[in-house]
Amino acid sequence: MAGRFIVTHDADGMFRFALTTAAGEVVATSEAYGQKGAAMNGIDSLRELATDAIVDDRTTSPAPTHAD
C-alpha cells in the first residue's frame, strides 16, 4: 500500500506537504516553503533519506514490538 504526498497552500500562501498512508492518515507534515519547487525538493529529500534511515530509539523502555 503506497502512501501519498499531498502538496497544499497554507493560509499565508506558503507551500507545505503532508505524507499520508493509503487510508489517508497523516503521518508527517513539512515546514512551510516559499516556493512550490522547494516543497517538491523537500519531498525528494525525504524520499532519499527515509530509504536508509535508522531508528534512533532514545527511550528507556524495552525494545519495541511492531503493532499489528
C-alpha atoms as a PDB file:
ATOM      1  CA  MET A   1       0.000   0.000   0.000  1.00  0.00           C
ATOM      2  CA  ALA A   2       1.571   3.211  -1.142  1.00  0.00           C
ATOM      3  CA  GLY A   3       1.477   6.424   0.802  1.00  0.00           C
ATOM      4  CA  ARG A   4       0.886   9.795  -0.769  1.00  0.00           C
ATOM      5  CA  PHE A   5       2.498  13.222  -0.564  1.00  0.00           C
ATOM      6  CA  ILE A   6      -0.137  15.966  -0.642  1.00  0.00           C
ATOM      7  CA  VAL A   7       1.086  19.486  -1.500  1.00  0.00           C
ATOM      8  CA  THR A   8      -1.059  22.415  -0.328  1.00  0.00           C
ATOM      9  CA  HIS A   9      -1.051  26.186   0.232  1.00  0.00           C
ATOM     10  CA  ASP A  10      -1.419  27.342   3.832  1.00  0.00           C
ATOM     11  CA  ALA A  11      -3.279  30.482   4.982  1.00  0.00           C
ATOM     12  CA  ASP A  12      -0.129  32.572   4.426  1.00  0.00           C
ATOM     13  CA  GLY A  13       0.295  31.373   0.836  1.00  0.00           C
ATOM     14  CA  MET A  14       3.241  29.129   1.707  1.00  0.00           C
ATOM     15  CA  PHE A  15       3.596  25.603   0.316  1.00  0.00           C
ATOM     16  CA  ARG A  16       3.503  22.597   2.629  1.00  0.00           C
ATOM     17  CA  PHE A  17       3.294  18.868   2.144  1.00  0.00           C
ATOM     18  CA  ALA A  18       1.899  16.020   4.173  1.00  0.00           C
ATOM     19  CA  LEU A  19       2.773  12.337   3.926  1.00  0.00           C
ATOM     20  CA  THR A  20      -0.312  10.174   4.296  1.00  0.00           C
ATOM     21  CA  THR A  21      -0.998   6.462   4.478  1.00  0.00           C
ATOM     22  CA  ALA A  22      -3.046   4.703   1.809  1.00  0.00           C
ATOM     23  CA  ALA A  23      -6.026   5.173   4.153  1.00  0.00           C
ATOM     24  CA  GLY A  24      -5.449   8.942   4.289  1.00  0.00           C
ATOM     25  CA  GLU A  25      -3.964   9.174   7.800  1.00  0.00           C
ATOM     26  CA  VAL A  26      -1.364  11.961   8.065  1.00  0.00           C
ATOM     27  CA  VAL A  27       1.948  10.581   9.347  1.00  0.00           C
ATOM     28  CA  ALA A  28       4.222  13.574   8.695  1.00  0.00           C
ATOM     29  CA  THR A  29       3.940  17.240   7.766  1.00  0.00           C
ATOM     30  CA  SER A  30       6.529  19.625   6.388  1.00  0.00           C
ATOM     31  CA  GLU A  31       7.723  23.062   7.247  1.00  0.00           C
ATOM     32  CA  ALA A  32       6.471  25.978   5.140  1.00  0.00           C
ATOM     33  CA  TYR A  33       8.210  26.648   1.826  1.00  0.00           C
ATOM     34  CA  GLY A  34       8.062  29.919  -0.099  1.00  0.00           C
ATOM     35  CA  GLN A  35       8.146  28.216  -3.492  1.00  0.00           C
ATOM     36  CA  LYS A  36       6.455  25.082  -4.780  1.00  0.00           C
ATOM     37  CA  GLY A  37       9.756  23.831  -6.201  1.00  0.00           C
ATOM     38  CA  ALA A  38      11.320  23.989  -2.743  1.00  0.00           C
ATOM     39  CA  ALA A  39       8.467  21.897  -1.329  1.00  0.00           C
ATOM     40  CA  MET A  40       8.944  19.359  -4.127  1.00  0.00           C
ATOM     41  CA  ASN A  41      12.677  19.248  -3.337  1.00  0.00           C
ATOM     42  CA  GLY A  42      11.742  18.602   0.297  1.00  0.00           C
ATOM     43  CA  ILE A  43       9.665  15.618  -0.793  1.00  0.00           C
ATOM     44  CA  ASP A  44      12.564  14.285  -2.868  1.00  0.00           C
ATOM     45  CA  SER A  45      14.935  14.703   0.081  1.00  0.00           C
ATOM     46  CA  LEU A  46      12.561  12.873   2.416  1.00  0.00           C
ATOM     47  CA  ARG A  47      12.241  10.002  -0.048  1.00  0.00           C
ATOM     48  CA  GLU A  48      16.033   9.678  -0.288  1.00  0.00           C
ATOM     49  CA  LEU A  49      16.708   9.998   3.442  1.00  0.00           C
ATOM     50  CA  ALA A  50      13.980   7.591   4.543  1.00  0.00           C
ATOM     51  CA  THR A  51      15.265   4.801   2.316  1.00  0.00           C
ATOM     52  CA  ASP A  52      18.297   4.164   4.527  1.00  0.00           C
ATOM     53  CA  ALA A  53      17.206   5.875   7.747  1.00  0.00           C
ATOM     54  CA  ILE A  54      17.846   4.063  11.010  1.00  0.00           C
ATOM     55  CA  VAL A  55      15.636   4.221  14.089  1.00  0.00           C
ATOM     56  CA  ASP A  56      17.468   6.055  16.881  1.00  0.00           C
ATOM     57  CA  ASP A  57      15.449   4.945  19.928  1.00  0.00           C
ATOM     58  CA  ARG A  58      16.418   7.169  22.855  1.00  0.00           C
ATOM     59  CA  THR A  59      13.711   5.940  25.198  1.00  0.00           C
ATOM     60  CA  THR A  60      14.320   3.850  28.299  1.00  0.00           C
ATOM     61  CA  SER A  61      11.541   1.378  27.515  1.00  0.00           C
ATOM     62  CA  PRO A  62      12.304  -2.173  26.356  1.00  0.00           C
ATOM     63  CA  ALA A  63      12.829  -2.948  22.692  1.00  0.00           C
ATOM     64  CA  PRO A  64       9.602  -2.221  20.809  1.00  0.00           C
ATOM     65  CA  THR A  65       7.454  -4.722  19.027  1.00  0.00           C
ATOM     66  CA  HIS A  66       5.612  -3.675  15.905  1.00  0.00           C
ATOM     67  CA  ALA A  67       1.898  -3.036  16.244  1.00  0.00           C
ATOM     68  CA  ASP A  68      -0.493  -5.190  14.268  1.00  0.00           C
END
